């Protein structure tokens, strides 16, 4: 049974701050890490996924992604004042003007396309939204992957006047591989097909046959006209045959599953060395490990703090942890967040910890709770790889692999298979990976990595490949 203080639980959203709750040592001590993690993530965490929905637009070029986001923000009264004034002054709600709300780069406005990812934020009722508007052109697929890697929901925008395109299929497959749980298919430009019910259901039938092969938890379909606002924020009077709620209502009500792994993972990003007798506050400040009072030590011995961002799980003082790669066991004595000592830390808090032993640790060392599910320690990875480079990727070519904060030398040992985005068939191995290919590969690294399967732990199961000469990101990988 959960020993949660009723008053704290009842008033957590409105009257108890995150830091106040962290001071409630009895709850933290009397419950398992899984219970504490659930409570902190779902009720107290300011990044709580109960309140926050990260969504990303996807689909082929000119399907109306930016126009939809512009209309959604305008009708939700979430525009910046200067943007709103321009629309009202010109009295022109064209697709171009609505798209300008997110397409802010000079090149985007000159060409009428989306190039970079545009992030916008707004509130509705009790939910916070982070919107990521992504480009539809195939050469900017890497930007779409960047935005999708943290998304909870994908809005797949389909043009009602055109058949399903290859790029829309590619975006849906990438979102599925990246473990995005929810998808809403917005069949846009219904005004151009006279709002016909038959057109919408024909497209829905076609998409159902395609999406059933992917791993989305929920799939919904909405007929919309972004330019006119039909079924975006308010129910359309021109599509009375559509009985479900409009887009914003569905976004507000959808239940987001907390996908943060309960298994504790704390990768060390920086080791801070200082002597409490001689180190001044000004010296410590750049390392973000400063307390209001100077740290004290009975013997004035040098102190080490291990700084980084919690990737998953719960970490507490007096908790025994195992250090990878040495597999030594030690105990957390203190946890600091900026200037304050706290009794617990969860994802995505940035912390510095003190340990009972001076362990040999460096950037890339991993701490996990002693009896927690261990990561896989390996020098050979099997992973999905999405090619992001303009040039082909060749096996046996030296690259750099960045996993978390650890960078090692790597090479593609073998291309096991390529994914055919039309048939979902695994095609025979190839000697090269062409731009935008999606493949299963085997990668050899120079030093062992401590990984989890991506579907079990997003934050410890992803990596990127880097060109060692140009330092360009050439591929994104998800460990299997």
Protein backbone atom coordinates (compact mmCIF):
# COMPACT_ATOMS: atom_id res chain seq x y z
CA UNK A 1 0.00 0.00 0.00
CA UNK A 2 1.29 3.46 -0.85
CA UNK A 3 2.21 5.53 2.22
CA UNK A 4 1.41 8.83 0.53
CA UNK A 5 0.48 11.71 2.83
CA UNK A 6 -3.21 12.42 1.98
CA UNK A 7 -2.85 16.18 2.38
CA UNK A 8 0.13 16.31 0.06
CA UNK A 9 -1.54 14.08 -2.49
CA UNK A 10 -4.79 16.05 -2.42
CA UNK A 11 -3.20 19.48 -2.69
CA UNK A 12 -0.13 18.59 -4.72
CA UNK A 13 -1.19 20.40 -7.88
CA UNK A 14 -2.28 23.65 -6.27
CA UNK A 15 -0.73 24.17 -2.84
CA UNK A 16 2.45 22.15 -2.53
CA UNK A 17 5.56 23.05 -4.49
CA UNK A 18 7.95 20.53 -5.93
CA UNK A 19 10.69 21.47 -3.44
CA UNK A 20 8.26 21.27 -0.51
CA UNK A 21 7.35 17.74 -1.47
CA UNK A 22 10.99 16.75 -1.80
CA UNK A 23 11.44 17.66 1.86
CA UNK A 24 8.91 14.99 2.86
CA UNK A 25 11.52 12.37 3.66
CA UNK A 26 9.03 9.87 5.15
CA UNK A 27 7.21 9.35 1.86
CA UNK A 28 10.47 8.87 -0.03
CA UNK A 29 11.87 6.46 2.58
CA UNK A 30 8.71 4.38 3.06
CA UNK A 31 7.95 3.61 -0.57
CA UNK A 32 9.63 1.75 -3.41
CA UNK A 33 11.48 3.69 -6.13
CA UNK A 34 8.71 2.79 -8.60
CA UNK A 35 6.00 4.36 -6.41
CA UNK A 36 8.08 7.46 -5.70
CA UNK A 37 8.92 7.79 -9.40
CA UNK A 38 5.27 7.54 -10.41
CA UNK A 39 4.15 10.10 -7.85
CA UNK A 40 6.91 12.58 -8.63
CA UNK A 41 6.45 12.30 -12.39
CA UNK A 42 2.66 12.39 -12.44
CA UNK A 43 1.83 14.88 -9.68
CA UNK A 44 4.74 16.97 -8.47
CA UNK A 45 7.17 17.23 -11.34
CA UNK A 46 6.96 20.59 -13.13
CA UNK A 47 7.68 18.64 -16.33
CA UNK A 48 4.74 16.31 -15.59
CA UNK A 49 3.28 14.60 -18.64
CA UNK A 50 -0.18 14.88 -17.09
CA UNK A 51 -0.02 18.59 -17.91
CA UNK A 52 2.44 18.70 -20.80
CA UNK A 53 1.86 17.34 -24.30
CA UNK A 54 4.67 17.45 -26.84
CA UNK A 55 3.36 17.13 -30.36
CA UNK A 56 5.02 17.22 -33.74
CA UNK A 57 3.63 17.83 -37.21
CA UNK A 58 4.57 15.48 -40.03
CA UNK A 59 3.68 14.87 -43.62
CA UNK A 60 4.74 15.75 -47.11
CA UNK A 61 5.58 19.23 -48.37
CA UNK A 62 2.61 21.59 -48.99
CA UNK A 63 0.16 19.45 -47.03
CA UNK A 64 -0.56 22.42 -44.76
CA UNK A 65 1.42 21.69 -41.57
CA UNK A 66 2.44 25.28 -40.83
CA UNK A 67 -0.98 26.58 -41.83
CA UNK A 68 -2.64 24.19 -39.37
CA UNK A 69 -0.36 25.26 -36.51
CA UNK A 70 -0.98 28.91 -37.35
CA UNK A 71 -4.76 28.40 -37.32
CA UNK A 72 -4.59 26.39 -34.08
CA UNK A 73 -2.60 29.13 -32.33
CA UNK A 74 -4.79 31.95 -33.67
CA UNK A 75 -8.10 30.33 -32.76
CA UNK A 76 -6.68 29.39 -29.33
CA UNK A 77 -5.73 33.05 -28.78
CA UNK A 78 -2.11 32.02 -28.31
CA UNK A 79 -0.40 34.30 -30.83
CA UNK A 80 2.19 36.92 -30.04
CA UNK A 81 0.62 40.39 -30.17
CA UNK A 82 2.61 41.51 -33.21
CA UNK A 83 1.57 38.40 -35.15
CA UNK A 84 -2.08 38.89 -34.21
CA UNK A 85 -1.98 42.58 -35.17
CA UNK A 86 -0.58 41.78 -38.62
CA UNK A 87 -3.33 39.24 -39.34
CA UNK A 88 -6.06 41.61 -38.16
CA UNK A 89 -4.57 44.61 -39.97
CA UNK A 90 -4.30 42.78 -43.27
CA UNK A 91 -7.61 41.00 -42.69
CA UNK A 92 -6.10 38.15 -44.66
CA UNK A 93 -6.14 34.63 -43.28
CA UNK A 94 -4.38 33.08 -46.24
CA UNK A 95 -2.35 29.90 -45.98
CA UNK A 96 0.78 31.98 -46.44
CA UNK A 97 -0.01 34.41 -43.63
CA UNK A 98 -0.96 31.62 -41.22
CA UNK A 99 2.20 29.73 -42.10
CA UNK A 100 4.30 32.83 -41.35
CA UNK A 101 3.41 32.38 -37.68
CA UNK A 102 5.87 29.48 -37.50
CA UNK A 103 7.97 30.01 -40.64
CA UNK A 104 10.14 32.84 -39.36
CA UNK A 105 13.37 32.39 -41.31
CA UNK A 106 13.96 34.68 -44.27
CA UNK A 107 14.64 31.70 -46.55
CA UNK A 108 11.41 30.03 -45.41
CA UNK A 109 9.31 33.08 -46.25
CA UNK A 110 11.03 33.70 -49.56
CA UNK A 111 10.56 30.10 -50.72
CA UNK A 112 7.24 29.44 -48.96
CA UNK A 113 8.55 26.29 -47.27
CA UNK A 114 9.52 25.08 -43.80
CA UNK A 115 13.24 24.41 -43.31
CA UNK A 116 13.97 24.47 -39.60
CA UNK A 117 11.88 23.13 -36.71
CA UNK A 118 9.72 25.85 -35.15
CA UNK A 119 8.60 25.41 -31.54
CA UNK A 120 5.53 27.17 -30.17
CA UNK A 121 3.95 27.00 -26.72
CA UNK A 122 0.40 27.52 -25.48
CA UNK A 123 -2.04 26.53 -22.75
CA UNK A 124 -5.60 25.29 -22.87
CA UNK A 125 -7.55 24.40 -19.75
CA UNK A 126 -5.22 22.25 -17.62
CA UNK A 127 -2.84 21.18 -20.37
CA UNK A 128 0.38 22.74 -21.62
CA UNK A 129 1.43 22.19 -25.22
CA UNK A 130 4.77 22.28 -27.00
CA UNK A 131 4.18 22.30 -30.77
CA UNK A 132 7.00 21.35 -33.12
CA UNK A 133 6.37 22.30 -36.75
CA UNK A 134 8.71 20.23 -38.94
CA UNK A 135 9.70 20.48 -42.62
CA UNK A 136 8.20 18.15 -45.21
CA UNK A 137 11.03 18.16 -47.77
CA UNK A 138 13.02 14.95 -47.90
CA UNK A 139 16.35 16.76 -47.54
CA UNK A 140 15.25 18.11 -44.15
CA UNK A 141 14.21 14.74 -42.71
CA UNK A 142 16.95 15.04 -40.06
CA UNK A 143 15.17 18.10 -38.64
CA UNK A 144 11.95 16.12 -38.42
CA UNK A 145 13.73 13.30 -36.56
CA UNK A 146 15.19 15.76 -34.05
CA UNK A 147 11.74 17.11 -33.17
CA UNK A 148 10.05 13.70 -33.13
CA UNK A 149 12.57 12.13 -30.73
CA UNK A 150 10.87 13.81 -27.73
CA UNK A 151 7.25 13.84 -28.97
CA UNK A 152 4.25 12.21 -27.31
CA UNK A 153 1.96 12.60 -30.31
CA UNK A 154 2.32 13.07 -34.04
CA UNK A 155 -0.07 15.06 -36.21
CA UNK A 156 0.20 13.44 -39.64
CA UNK A 157 -1.14 15.99 -42.13
CA UNK A 158 -2.56 14.51 -45.34
CA UNK A 159 -3.72 16.46 -48.40
CA UNK A 160 -7.27 15.40 -49.26
CA UNK A 161 -6.63 16.15 -52.95
CA UNK A 162 -3.61 13.82 -53.29
CA UNK A 163 -2.77 10.17 -52.64
CA UNK A 164 -0.56 9.17 -49.72
CA UNK A 165 3.01 10.24 -50.51
CA UNK A 166 6.30 8.48 -49.86
CA UNK A 167 7.47 11.22 -47.48
CA UNK A 168 4.31 10.95 -45.37
CA UNK A 169 4.91 7.20 -45.10
CA UNK A 170 8.54 7.83 -44.13
CA UNK A 171 7.51 10.26 -41.38
CA UNK A 172 4.98 7.79 -39.96
CA UNK A 173 7.53 4.96 -39.93
CA UNK A 174 10.18 7.13 -38.26
CA UNK A 175 7.68 8.19 -35.58
CA UNK A 176 6.84 4.56 -34.91
CA UNK A 177 10.52 3.59 -34.64
CA UNK A 178 11.05 6.54 -32.28
CA UNK A 179 8.31 5.09 -30.07
CA UNK A 180 5.83 7.96 -30.41
CA UNK A 181 2.71 6.39 -28.86
CA UNK A 182 -0.10 8.46 -30.39
CA UNK A 183 -0.95 9.65 -33.89
CA UNK A 184 -3.77 11.86 -35.15
CA UNK A 185 -4.24 11.87 -38.91
CA UNK A 186 -5.54 15.26 -40.06
CA UNK A 187 -7.03 15.03 -43.55
CA UNK A 188 -6.52 18.66 -44.59
CA UNK A 189 -7.90 20.77 -47.46
CA UNK A 190 -11.36 19.30 -47.18
CA UNK A 191 -12.63 22.61 -48.58
CA UNK A 192 -11.02 21.70 -51.93
CA UNK A 193 -13.08 18.49 -52.16
CA UNK A 194 -16.35 20.17 -51.16
CA UNK A 195 -16.18 18.64 -47.64
CA UNK A 196 -17.27 15.28 -49.03
CA UNK A 197 -17.66 12.51 -46.50
CA UNK A 198 -16.73 9.84 -49.07
CA UNK A 199 -13.34 11.43 -49.75
CA UNK A 200 -12.44 11.43 -46.06
CA UNK A 201 -13.43 7.80 -45.49
CA UNK A 202 -11.63 6.62 -48.63
CA UNK A 203 -8.41 8.20 -47.33
CA UNK A 204 -9.02 6.76 -43.85
CA UNK A 205 -9.42 3.26 -45.29
CA UNK A 206 -6.19 3.64 -47.26
CA UNK A 207 -4.29 4.84 -44.20
CA UNK A 208 -5.66 2.14 -41.91
CA UNK A 209 -4.14 -0.50 -44.17
CA UNK A 210 -0.79 1.26 -43.93
CA UNK A 211 -0.71 2.27 -40.24
CA UNK A 212 -1.82 -1.12 -38.90
CA UNK A 213 1.74 -2.33 -39.48
CA UNK A 214 3.17 0.32 -37.14
CA UNK A 215 3.30 0.33 -33.36
CA UNK A 216 1.14 3.33 -32.41
CA UNK A 217 -0.96 2.93 -29.26
CA UNK A 218 -3.82 5.09 -30.56
CA UNK A 219 -4.72 6.24 -34.09
CA UNK A 220 -7.42 8.87 -34.73
CA UNK A 221 -8.64 10.58 -37.90
CA UNK A 222 -10.02 14.12 -38.26
CA UNK A 223 -11.24 15.88 -41.44
CA UNK A 224 -10.11 19.52 -41.31
CA UNK A 225 -9.67 22.67 -43.33
CA UNK A 226 -6.78 24.54 -41.76
CA UNK A 227 -7.28 27.63 -43.90
CA UNK A 228 -10.93 27.99 -42.83
CA UNK A 229 -10.57 26.55 -39.32
CA UNK A 230 -13.00 23.65 -39.79
CA UNK A 231 -12.62 21.09 -36.95
CA UNK A 232 -9.41 22.73 -35.69
CA UNK A 233 -10.70 24.47 -32.56
CA UNK A 234 -14.45 24.54 -33.20
CA UNK A 235 -16.77 21.96 -34.70
CA UNK A 236 -17.31 22.44 -38.42
CA UNK A 237 -20.80 23.34 -39.59
CA UNK A 238 -19.87 22.17 -43.08
CA UNK A 239 -19.03 18.59 -42.03
CA UNK A 240 -21.97 17.67 -39.82
CA UNK A 241 -21.38 14.04 -40.73
CA UNK A 242 -18.23 14.11 -38.54
CA UNK A 243 -19.41 13.48 -34.97
CA UNK A 244 -16.14 13.36 -32.99
CA UNK A 245 -14.58 16.38 -31.21
CA UNK A 246 -12.38 18.90 -33.10
CA UNK A 247 -8.60 18.72 -32.98
CA UNK A 248 -7.87 20.90 -29.95
CA UNK A 249 -10.40 19.05 -27.79
CA UNK A 250 -8.83 15.73 -28.71
CA UNK A 251 -5.36 17.06 -27.90
CA UNK A 252 -6.60 18.28 -24.52
CA UNK A 253 -8.25 15.02 -23.53
CA UNK A 254 -5.80 12.44 -24.83
CA UNK A 255 -4.16 10.41 -22.07
CA UNK A 256 -0.40 10.54 -22.19
CA UNK A 257 1.41 7.53 -20.81
CA UNK A 258 4.52 8.28 -18.80
CA UNK A 259 7.24 6.53 -20.81
CA UNK A 260 10.08 7.38 -18.44
CA UNK A 261 11.75 4.10 -17.50
CA UNK A 262 11.58 3.15 -13.79
CA UNK A 263 15.14 1.81 -14.01
CA UNK A 264 17.61 4.28 -12.57
CA UNK A 265 20.22 5.73 -14.95
CA UNK A 266 22.51 8.64 -14.05
CA UNK A 267 25.26 9.32 -16.61
CA UNK A 268 28.06 11.49 -15.25
CA UNK A 269 28.80 14.53 -17.39
CA UNK A 270 31.40 16.26 -15.23
CA UNK A 271 33.50 15.52 -12.14
CA UNK A 272 33.94 18.53 -9.85
CA UNK A 273 37.02 18.59 -7.57
CA UNK A 274 37.39 21.19 -4.83
CA UNK A 275 38.75 21.71 -1.32
CA UNK A 276 36.18 23.20 1.07
CA UNK A 277 38.93 25.03 2.97
CA UNK A 278 40.43 26.85 0.00
CA UNK A 279 37.74 26.93 -2.71
CA UNK A 280 35.73 30.12 -2.96
CA UNK A 281 32.13 30.45 -4.08
CA UNK A 282 33.22 32.23 -7.24
CA UNK A 283 35.34 29.23 -8.20
CA UNK A 284 32.47 26.79 -7.72
CA UNK A 285 29.75 28.86 -9.36
CA UNK A 286 30.59 27.98 -12.98
CA UNK A 287 30.18 24.29 -12.13
CA UNK A 288 26.66 24.78 -10.74
CA UNK A 289 27.58 22.91 -7.55
CA UNK A 290 27.46 25.92 -5.25
CA UNK A 291 25.77 25.92 -1.85
CA UNK A 292 24.78 29.09 -0.05
CA UNK A 293 27.09 28.04 2.79
CA UNK A 294 30.59 26.88 2.02
CA UNK A 295 30.77 23.05 2.06
CA UNK A 296 32.26 21.66 5.22
CA UNK A 297 34.37 18.59 5.83
CA UNK A 298 35.67 17.45 9.21
CA UNK A 299 39.15 16.94 7.87
CA UNK A 300 39.00 19.57 5.13
CA UNK A 301 39.75 16.84 2.63
CA UNK A 302 39.15 17.41 -1.08
CA UNK A 303 35.57 16.74 -2.17
CA UNK A 304 34.33 15.29 -5.43
CA UNK A 305 30.92 15.85 -6.87
CA UNK A 306 29.60 14.01 -9.89
CA UNK A 307 27.34 16.18 -12.03
CA UNK A 308 24.88 15.27 -14.75
CA UNK A 309 21.21 14.91 -15.68
CA UNK A 310 19.12 12.03 -14.37
CA UNK A 311 18.08 9.96 -17.39
CA UNK A 312 15.48 7.83 -15.58
CA UNK A 313 14.50 6.42 -12.20
CA UNK A 314 14.89 7.80 -8.66
CA UNK A 315 18.11 8.60 -6.80
CA UNK A 316 18.26 9.36 -3.05
CA UNK A 317 20.88 9.88 -0.31
CA UNK A 318 21.92 6.66 1.48
CA UNK A 319 21.07 4.73 -1.68
CA UNK A 320 23.61 2.17 -2.83
CA UNK A 321 24.58 2.47 -6.49
CA UNK A 322 26.68 0.45 -8.91
CA UNK A 323 29.24 2.29 -11.01
CA UNK A 324 29.76 1.31 -14.65
CA UNK A 325 32.14 0.23 -16.12
CA UNK A 326 34.03 -0.71 -12.91
CA UNK A 327 30.91 -2.30 -11.30
CA UNK A 328 32.04 -0.96 -7.94
CA UNK A 329 29.34 -0.39 -5.33
CA UNK A 330 29.19 2.85 -3.38
CA UNK A 331 26.60 4.98 -1.59
CA UNK A 332 25.13 8.37 -2.44
CA UNK A 333 25.68 10.66 0.57
CA UNK A 334 24.26 13.96 -0.73
CA UNK A 335 22.39 15.28 -3.75
CA UNK A 336 22.54 18.92 -4.81
CA UNK A 337 20.38 20.90 -7.22
CA UNK A 338 22.14 24.21 -7.91
CA UNK A 339 22.46 25.77 -4.45
CA UNK A 340 20.26 23.38 -2.49
CA UNK A 341 20.64 19.92 -1.03
CA UNK A 342 17.61 17.76 -1.88
CA UNK A 343 16.44 14.35 -0.64
CA UNK A 344 15.63 12.87 -4.07
CA UNK A 345 16.24 13.35 -7.78
CA UNK A 346 14.29 12.15 -10.82
CA UNK A 347 14.31 12.72 -14.58
CA UNK A 348 14.97 15.35 -15.92
CA UNK A 349 16.68 17.03 -12.94
CA UNK A 350 20.28 18.21 -13.32
CA UNK A 351 22.11 17.34 -10.13
CA UNK A 352 25.51 16.88 -8.50
CA UNK A 353 26.00 13.95 -6.10
CA UNK A 354 28.56 13.16 -3.45
CA UNK A 355 29.52 9.52 -2.91
CA UNK A 356 30.89 7.72 0.11
CA UNK A 357 33.93 6.59 -1.91
CA UNK A 358 36.25 8.45 -4.26
CA UNK A 359 35.55 6.32 -7.29
CA UNK A 360 37.44 6.45 -10.56
CA UNK A 361 34.83 8.19 -12.69
CA UNK A 362 34.89 10.34 -15.79
CA UNK A 363 32.50 11.81 -18.32
CA UNK A 364 30.37 8.92 -19.56
CA UNK A 365 30.48 6.84 -16.37
CA UNK A 366 27.04 5.52 -15.41
CA UNK A 367 25.47 5.17 -11.95
CA UNK A 368 22.50 2.84 -11.39
CA UNK A 369 20.75 1.68 -8.17
CA UNK A 370 22.49 -1.42 -6.81
CA UNK A 371 19.72 -3.98 -7.36
CA UNK A 372 18.14 -2.32 -10.38
CA UNK A 373 17.87 -3.89 -13.83
CA UNK A 374 21.40 -3.52 -15.26
CA UNK A 375 22.15 -2.00 -18.66
CA UNK A 376 23.66 -4.07 -21.46
CA UNK A 377 27.43 -3.63 -21.60
CA UNK A 378 28.59 -4.21 -25.16
CA UNK A 379 31.01 -3.16 -27.87
CA UNK A 380 28.67 -4.36 -30.63
CA UNK A 381 25.28 -2.71 -31.09
CA UNK A 382 22.35 -3.85 -33.17
CA UNK A 383 20.18 -0.85 -33.96
CA UNK A 384 17.77 0.87 -36.29
CA UNK A 385 19.67 3.54 -38.18
CA UNK A 386 18.15 6.51 -40.02
CA UNK A 387 20.59 7.99 -42.50
CA UNK A 388 20.61 11.80 -42.32
CA UNK A 389 23.58 12.57 -44.54
CA UNK A 390 23.61 13.86 -48.10
CA UNK A 391 26.21 11.22 -49.00
CA UNK A 392 25.97 7.41 -48.71
CA UNK A 393 27.21 5.72 -45.52
CA UNK A 394 29.70 2.92 -46.07
CA UNK A 395 30.41 -0.03 -43.75
CA UNK A 396 33.93 -0.15 -42.29
CA UNK A 397 34.26 3.64 -42.60
CA UNK A 398 35.42 5.23 -39.31
CA UNK A 399 32.83 7.41 -37.57
CA UNK A 400 32.23 8.82 -34.10
CA UNK A 401 29.31 7.53 -32.05
CA UNK A 402 27.78 9.75 -29.36
CA UNK A 403 25.71 7.94 -26.74
CA UNK A 404 24.52 10.28 -24.02
CA UNK A 405 27.61 12.28 -23.13
CA UNK A 406 30.07 9.57 -24.18
CA UNK A 407 31.81 9.74 -27.57
CA UNK A 408 33.65 6.70 -28.97
CA UNK A 409 35.07 5.62 -32.31
CA UNK A 410 32.74 3.41 -34.33
CA UNK A 411 32.16 1.76 -37.68
CA UNK A 412 29.18 0.09 -39.32
CA UNK A 413 30.15 -3.57 -39.22
CA UNK A 414 27.20 -4.83 -41.25
CA UNK A 415 23.99 -3.60 -42.87
CA UNK A 416 21.64 -6.39 -41.85
CA UNK A 417 18.60 -5.20 -43.82
CA UNK A 418 16.86 -2.13 -45.21
CA UNK A 419 13.24 -1.26 -44.61
CA UNK A 420 11.01 -0.89 -47.65
CA UNK A 421 8.68 1.94 -46.64
CA UNK A 422 6.00 0.82 -49.11
CA UNK A 423 5.77 -2.88 -48.24
CA UNK A 424 7.45 -2.91 -44.77
CA UNK A 425 9.55 -5.79 -46.06
CA UNK A 426 13.14 -6.18 -44.88
CA UNK A 427 15.14 -5.93 -48.08
CA UNK A 428 18.43 -7.84 -48.57
CA UNK A 429 21.63 -6.37 -47.12
CA UNK A 430 23.30 -3.56 -49.01
CA UNK A 431 26.86 -2.34 -49.15
CA UNK A 432 25.84 1.29 -48.54
CA UNK A 433 23.12 3.32 -46.86
CA UNK A 434 21.69 5.98 -49.12
CA UNK A 435 20.34 9.30 -47.81
CA UNK A 436 17.09 8.82 -45.83
CA UNK A 437 17.44 5.03 -45.78
CA UNK A 438 16.11 3.24 -42.68
CA UNK A 439 18.05 0.08 -41.90
CA UNK A 440 18.94 -2.46 -39.24
CA UNK A 441 22.69 -2.44 -38.73
CA UNK A 442 25.43 -3.89 -36.57
CA UNK A 443 27.90 -1.30 -35.24
CA UNK A 444 31.29 -1.94 -33.65
CA UNK A 445 32.56 0.61 -31.10
CA UNK A 446 36.05 1.12 -29.67
CA UNK A 447 34.95 1.10 -26.00
CA UNK A 448 32.05 -0.71 -24.30
CA UNK A 449 28.79 1.23 -23.96
CA UNK A 450 26.12 0.80 -21.28
CA UNK A 451 22.86 0.76 -23.21
CA UNK A 452 19.18 -0.14 -22.94
CA UNK A 453 16.78 -1.03 -25.72
CA UNK A 454 15.23 2.19 -27.04
CA UNK A 455 11.68 0.96 -26.43
CA UNK A 456 12.56 0.36 -22.76
CA UNK A 457 14.49 3.55 -22.14
CA UNK A 458 14.45 6.37 -24.69
CA UNK A 459 17.20 8.33 -22.99
CA UNK A 460 19.69 5.48 -22.66
CA UNK A 461 18.82 3.75 -25.92
CA UNK A 462 19.59 6.37 -28.56
CA UNK A 463 22.76 7.58 -30.24
CA UNK A 464 24.00 9.54 -33.22
CA UNK A 465 26.79 8.93 -35.72
CA UNK A 466 29.14 11.83 -36.44
CA UNK A 467 31.52 12.45 -39.32
CA UNK A 468 34.97 12.76 -37.65
CA UNK A 469 36.17 15.22 -40.30
CA UNK A 470 33.26 17.67 -40.47
CA UNK A 471 31.54 16.79 -37.17
CA UNK A 472 28.22 16.71 -39.02
CA UNK A 473 25.50 14.44 -37.65
CA UNK A 474 25.11 11.77 -40.33
CA UNK A 475 22.73 9.23 -38.75
CA UNK A 476 20.43 8.68 -35.76
CA UNK A 477 20.24 5.28 -34.11
CA UNK A 478 17.88 3.42 -31.77
CA UNK A 479 19.30 0.41 -29.93
CA UNK A 480 17.39 -2.84 -30.21
